[in-house]
Protein backbone atom coordinates (compact mmCIF):
# COMPACT_ATOMS: atom_id res chain seq x y z
CA UNK A 1 19.39 14.56 12.36
CA UNK A 2 20.65 14.69 8.73
CA UNK A 3 16.99 14.33 7.31
CA UNK A 4 16.34 18.12 8.74
CA UNK A 5 20.01 19.48 6.39
CA UNK A 6 19.37 18.65 3.40
CA UNK A 7 16.17 19.26 0.64
CA UNK A 8 15.59 16.27 -1.12
CA UNK A 9 15.23 14.09 2.52
CA UNK A 10 12.63 16.66 3.08
CA UNK A 11 10.62 16.22 -0.03
CA UNK A 12 10.25 12.03 0.66
CA UNK A 13 10.11 12.44 4.30
CA UNK A 14 6.55 14.26 3.40
CA UNK A 15 5.81 11.92 0.60
CA UNK A 16 5.47 8.51 3.04
CA UNK A 17 4.17 10.73 5.44
CA UNK A 18 1.69 11.50 3.05
CA UNK A 19 1.75 8.16 1.27
CA UNK A 20 1.83 6.14 5.45
CA UNK A 21 -1.30 7.84 6.57
CA UNK A 22 -3.95 7.03 3.58
CA UNK A 23 -2.49 3.87 3.18
CA UNK A 24 -2.98 3.53 7.05
CA UNK A 25 -6.64 3.73 6.83
CA UNK A 26 -6.76 1.08 3.27
CA UNK A 27 -3.96 -1.35 5.47
CA UNK A 28 -6.69 -1.32 8.79
CA UNK A 29 -9.39 -1.96 6.28
CA UNK A 30 -7.18 -5.09 4.56
CA UNK A 31 -6.46 -5.66 8.23
CA UNK A 32 -9.43 -6.34 10.02
CA UNK A 33 -11.31 -8.00 6.64
CA UNK A 34 -8.18 -10.98 6.91
CA UNK A 35 -7.16 -10.82 2.93
CA UNK A 36 -3.74 -9.35 3.71
CA UNK A 37 -2.21 -9.69 1.00
CA UNK A 38 -4.76 -7.77 -1.02
CA UNK A 39 -2.81 -4.56 -0.42
CA UNK A 40 0.96 -6.72 -2.82
CA UNK A 41 -1.55 -8.30 -4.95
CA UNK A 42 -2.49 -5.12 -6.11
CA UNK A 43 0.78 -3.60 -5.72
CA UNK A 44 1.90 -6.56 -8.01
CA UNK A 45 -0.98 -5.72 -10.31
CA UNK A 46 0.17 -2.09 -10.67
CA UNK A 47 3.90 -3.30 -11.47
CA UNK A 48 2.71 -5.57 -14.14
CA UNK A 49 0.85 -2.33 -16.05
CA UNK A 50 4.28 -0.40 -15.28
CA UNK A 51 6.31 -3.77 -17.00
CA UNK A 52 3.88 -3.92 -20.01
CA UNK A 53 4.00 0.11 -20.19
CA UNK A 54 8.22 -0.59 -20.13
CA UNK A 55 7.76 -2.83 -23.00
CA UNK A 56 6.03 -0.66 -25.28
CA UNK A 57 8.36 2.27 -24.91
CA UNK A 58 6.41 4.19 -22.47
CA UNK A 59 9.21 3.60 -19.67
CA UNK A 60 10.60 7.36 -18.75
CA UNK A 61 9.81 9.05 -21.58
CA UNK A 62 6.20 8.99 -21.49
CA UNK A 63 5.36 9.05 -18.14
CA UNK A 64 2.16 9.41 -17.73
CA UNK A 65 0.93 6.69 -20.32
CA UNK A 66 2.80 4.31 -18.46
CA UNK A 67 0.78 5.66 -15.25
CA UNK A 68 -2.35 4.94 -16.77
CA UNK A 69 -1.69 1.87 -17.90
CA UNK A 70 -0.61 0.56 -14.82
CA UNK A 71 -3.96 2.09 -13.03
CA UNK A 72 -5.94 0.77 -15.75
CA UNK A 73 -4.25 -3.36 -15.03
CA UNK A 74 -5.32 -2.10 -11.14
CA UNK A 75 -8.96 -1.17 -11.53
CA UNK A 76 -8.98 -4.63 -13.95
CA UNK A 77 -7.23 -6.71 -10.74
CA UNK A 78 -10.23 -4.02 -8.52
CA UNK A 79 -12.90 -5.50 -10.61
CA UNK A 80 -11.55 -9.69 -9.36
CA UNK A 81 -10.16 -8.50 -5.95
CA UNK A 82 -14.84 -7.25 -5.02
CA UNK A 83 -15.87 -10.29 -7.63
CA UNK A 84 -13.73 -13.45 -5.63
CA UNK A 85 -16.05 -12.34 -2.75
CA UNK A 86 -19.11 -14.00 -4.19
CA UNK A 87 -16.38 -16.61 -4.69
CA UNK A 88 -17.79 -19.00 -2.59
CA UNK A 89 -16.17 -22.71 -3.26
CA UNK A 90 -12.29 -21.26 -2.62
CA UNK A 91 -10.78 -19.09 -0.53
CA UNK A 92 -10.50 -15.50 -1.20
CA UNK A 93 -7.14 -15.50 -0.02
CA UNK A 94 -5.86 -18.06 -2.03
CA UNK A 95 -7.32 -16.61 -5.14
CA UNK A 96 -5.53 -13.09 -3.75
CA UNK A 97 -2.43 -15.13 -3.72
CA UNK A 98 -2.07 -16.78 -7.32
CA UNK A 99 -3.10 -13.57 -8.53
CA UNK A 100 -0.04 -12.21 -7.21
CA UNK A 101 2.05 -14.77 -8.23
CA UNK A 102 0.57 -14.43 -12.02
CA UNK A 103 1.74 -10.76 -11.74
CA UNK A 104 4.71 -11.14 -10.04
CA UNK A 105 5.46 -13.93 -13.04
CA UNK A 106 4.68 -11.42 -16.35
CA UNK A 107 6.72 -8.56 -14.42
CA UNK A 108 9.75 -10.87 -14.81
CA UNK A 109 8.61 -12.48 -18.57
CA UNK A 110 8.36 -8.78 -19.66
CA UNK A 111 11.06 -7.26 -18.02
CA UNK A 112 13.98 -10.03 -19.47
CA UNK A 113 12.85 -8.40 -22.93
CA UNK A 114 13.92 -5.29 -21.26
CA UNK A 115 17.67 -3.94 -21.82
CA UNK A 116 17.17 -2.50 -18.07
CA UNK A 117 14.90 -5.19 -16.90
CA UNK A 118 17.11 -6.25 -13.39
CA UNK A 119 17.16 -2.49 -12.78
CA UNK A 120 13.30 -1.96 -13.96
CA UNK A 121 12.26 -5.12 -11.27
CA UNK A 122 14.68 -3.38 -8.55
CA UNK A 123 13.11 0.22 -9.09
CA UNK A 124 9.37 -1.83 -8.85
CA UNK A 125 10.61 -3.67 -5.52
CA UNK A 126 12.47 -1.04 -3.37
CA UNK A 127 11.42 1.99 -5.13
CA UNK A 128 13.75 5.48 -5.03
CA UNK A 129 12.18 7.77 -2.63
CA UNK A 130 15.05 9.76 -2.12
CA UNK A 131 15.11 11.08 -5.46
CA UNK A 132 11.30 12.13 -5.75
CA UNK A 133 10.46 16.08 -7.64
CA UNK A 134 8.90 18.50 -6.17
CA UNK A 135 5.45 17.93 -8.52
CA UNK A 136 5.20 14.37 -7.08
CA UNK A 137 5.21 15.22 -3.70
CA UNK A 138 1.97 17.94 -4.38
CA UNK A 139 0.50 15.11 -7.07
CA UNK A 140 0.17 13.05 -3.80
CA UNK A 141 -0.84 15.27 -1.63
CA UNK A 142 -3.43 16.38 -4.13
CA UNK A 143 -3.91 12.08 -4.79
CA UNK A 144 -4.71 12.30 -0.86
CA UNK A 145 -7.56 14.77 -0.90
CA UNK A 146 -9.62 12.68 -3.11
CA UNK A 147 -8.90 9.85 -2.45
CA UNK A 148 -9.28 10.75 1.61
CA UNK A 149 -12.84 12.50 0.46
CA UNK A 150 -14.03 9.17 -0.89
CA UNK A 151 -12.54 7.43 2.23
CA UNK A 152 -14.71 10.39 4.14
CA UNK A 153 -17.98 10.26 2.98
CA UNK A 154 -17.99 6.09 1.98
CA UNK A 155 -16.33 5.22 6.07
CA UNK A 156 -19.70 4.27 7.13
CA UNK A 157 -20.30 1.47 4.68
CA UNK A 158 -17.51 0.52 4.82
CA UNK A 159 -17.04 0.17 8.34
CA UNK A 160 -19.45 -0.91 8.34
CA UNK A 161 -18.86 -3.40 5.81
CA UNK A 162 -15.17 -4.64 6.82
CA UNK A 163 -16.96 -5.44 10.88
CA UNK A 164 -19.31 -7.70 9.32
CA UNK A 165 -20.44 -8.24 6.00
CA UNK A 166 -22.43 -10.37 6.44
CA UNK A 167 -24.88 -7.85 8.97
CA UNK A 168 -23.58 -4.77 5.73
CA UNK A 169 -25.61 -7.34 3.11
CA UNK A 170 -28.57 -7.54 5.50
CA UNK A 171 -29.42 -4.53 5.75
CA UNK A 172 -29.48 -4.05 2.54
CA UNK A 173 -25.63 -2.61 1.40
CA UNK A 174 -24.79 -4.17 -2.22
CA UNK A 175 -21.46 -5.72 -1.40
CA UNK A 176 -20.31 -6.60 -4.89
CA UNK A 177 -20.12 -2.59 -5.56
CA UNK A 178 -19.14 -1.26 -2.76
CA UNK A 179 -15.92 -3.64 -2.66
CA UNK A 180 -15.12 -2.62 -6.47
CA UNK A 181 -15.14 1.44 -4.67
CA UNK A 182 -13.07 0.39 -1.93
CA UNK A 183 -10.70 -1.59 -4.29
CA UNK A 184 -10.36 1.25 -6.61
CA UNK A 185 -9.77 4.48 -4.83
CA UNK A 186 -8.03 0.68 -3.01
CA UNK A 187 -6.09 0.70 -6.15
CA UNK A 188 -5.48 4.42 -7.55
CA UNK A 189 -3.54 4.90 -4.78
CA UNK A 190 -1.22 2.28 -4.63
CA UNK A 191 -0.29 2.63 -8.20
CA UNK A 192 0.71 5.82 -7.57
CA UNK A 193 2.00 4.64 -4.21
CA UNK A 194 4.43 2.00 -6.14
CA UNK A 195 5.60 4.44 -8.55
CA UNK A 196 6.93 6.43 -5.87
CA UNK A 197 7.88 3.85 -2.88
CA UNK A 198 8.33 0.70 -4.66
CA UNK A 199 6.28 -2.09 -3.56
CA UNK A 200 8.00 -3.68 -0.90
CA UNK A 201 7.20 0.28 1.07
CA UNK A 202 3.79 0.65 0.08
CA UNK A 203 2.83 -3.27 2.12
CA UNK A 204 4.51 -2.13 4.67
CA UNK A 205 3.12 1.09 5.22
CA UNK A 206 -0.83 -0.47 4.39
CA UNK A 207 0.22 -3.53 7.08
CA UNK A 208 2.68 -2.73 9.42
CA UNK A 209 1.31 0.46 11.60
CA UNK A 210 -1.66 -1.29 11.12
CA UNK A 211 -1.26 -4.45 12.31
CA UNK A 212 0.83 -2.53 15.62
CA UNK A 213 -2.61 -0.81 15.90
CA UNK A 214 -4.22 -4.00 16.57
CA UNK A 215 -1.98 -5.33 19.53
CA UNK A 216 -1.56 -2.38 20.52
CA UNK A 217 -5.02 -0.62 20.50
CA UNK A 218 -8.81 -0.81 20.49
CA UNK A 219 -11.11 1.78 18.68
CA UNK A 220 -10.84 2.30 15.18
CA UNK A 221 -10.17 6.14 16.12
CA UNK A 222 -6.89 5.12 18.66
CA UNK A 223 -5.60 2.40 16.02
CA UNK A 224 -5.73 5.21 12.98
CA UNK A 225 -3.97 7.40 15.71
CA UNK A 226 -1.19 4.74 16.72
CA UNK A 227 -0.89 3.67 13.26
CA UNK A 228 0.09 7.64 12.15
CA UNK A 229 2.27 8.45 15.07
CA UNK A 230 3.53 4.87 14.91
CA UNK A 231 4.05 5.25 10.62
CA UNK A 232 5.56 9.53 11.16
CA UNK A 233 8.37 7.81 13.93
CA UNK A 234 9.09 5.04 11.09
CA UNK A 235 10.13 7.00 7.95
CA UNK A 236 11.97 9.88 10.19
CA UNK A 237 14.17 6.69 11.43
CA UNK A 238 14.30 4.78 8.81
CA UNK A 239 15.42 7.81 6.43
CA UNK A 240 17.87 8.85 8.77
CA UNK A 241 19.39 5.50 8.97
CA UNK A 242 19.43 5.30 5.45
CA UNK A 243 21.72 8.76 5.02
CA UNK A 244 24.08 7.72 8.10
CA UNK A 245 24.40 3.73 7.18
CA UNK A 246 24.40 4.52 3.26
CA UNK A 247 21.50 1.75 2.76
CA UNK A 248 18.74 2.57 0.48
CA UNK A 249 15.43 4.37 1.93
CA UNK A 250 12.94 1.58 0.81
CA UNK A 251 14.29 -0.96 3.36
CA UNK A 252 15.74 1.23 5.70
CA UNK A 253 12.13 2.39 6.77
CA UNK A 254 10.56 -1.32 5.81
CA UNK A 255 13.63 -1.98 9.25
CA UNK A 256 12.89 -0.26 11.35
CA UNK A 257 8.49 -0.67 11.27
CA UNK A 258 9.42 -4.38 11.57
CA UNK A 259 11.80 -4.09 14.77
CA UNK A 260 9.30 -0.67 15.78
CA UNK A 261 6.31 -3.54 15.10
CA UNK A 262 8.05 -5.98 17.56
CA UNK A 263 8.51 -3.86 20.38
CA UNK A 264 5.04 -2.20 20.46
CA UNK A 265 4.48 -6.01 20.47
CA UNK A 266 6.36 -6.54 23.75
CA UNK A 267 5.61 -3.44 25.22
CA UNK A 268 1.97 -3.90 24.85
CA UNK A 269 2.62 -7.91 25.76
CA UNK A 270 -0.32 -8.65 22.34
CA UNK A 271 1.83 -10.64 20.63
CA UNK A 272 0.43 -14.16 20.33
CA UNK A 273 -2.81 -13.56 20.93
CA UNK A 274 -6.12 -13.20 18.45
CA UNK A 275 -6.31 -9.64 17.90
CA UNK A 276 -6.38 -8.84 13.97
CA UNK A 277 -10.63 -9.40 14.32
CA UNK A 278 -10.81 -8.02 17.28
């Protein structure tokens, strides 16, 4: 396989697997909670922060400033999404969708003022994972360890809220606090992931493996394992096709994910059944 012949592709593959592994856990919660577009909205909020940074001149010349500003926007989005749960008079998916649309609109308006606006927008959407430097892989590993440690320590309340928020609240869990912590950790991971992989691939990492696993198997551990194997196959095949056919890496992986999900759904006979809440 061609992917094993090039050092830069191996770096991209390792980064893909790190991001897919961690985002797959978040994706399980997102799909089970029925807030499918929260990841896309949060990723776009992160992109909006990056767009503001570019307008301020904090692009490639000041990557840490740009990342910090993007993270600040994402944490504000996390606080907003945790507040949405208490709004009983409006569907949470509608509020999340409006947030996404607003963040996208303002990103477009801001990048119109940049000389390289169209290129910046394309990179935010599809990413440039084949050109990631080695230090970014180490940063992803460190971030995965920190965020993964939080998810492991907080696994009981988070999974309890995901499974049945009303029962969790009745048992004394403060949903607003835990929602903010979840979305904040999610936001940190998404902010980094968008920089490396782009909004499109981040959305695919979060949703497609999780949905495929829910359709295919039962039980949280089995679904997480299935999602990780799904991501491994999708990343390897997607990067291989990217090299052989001269396709962009991000869209190639997303395309493979979609095909794999269809095949998985057909083989397990689960398409059309109500499985997301199961």
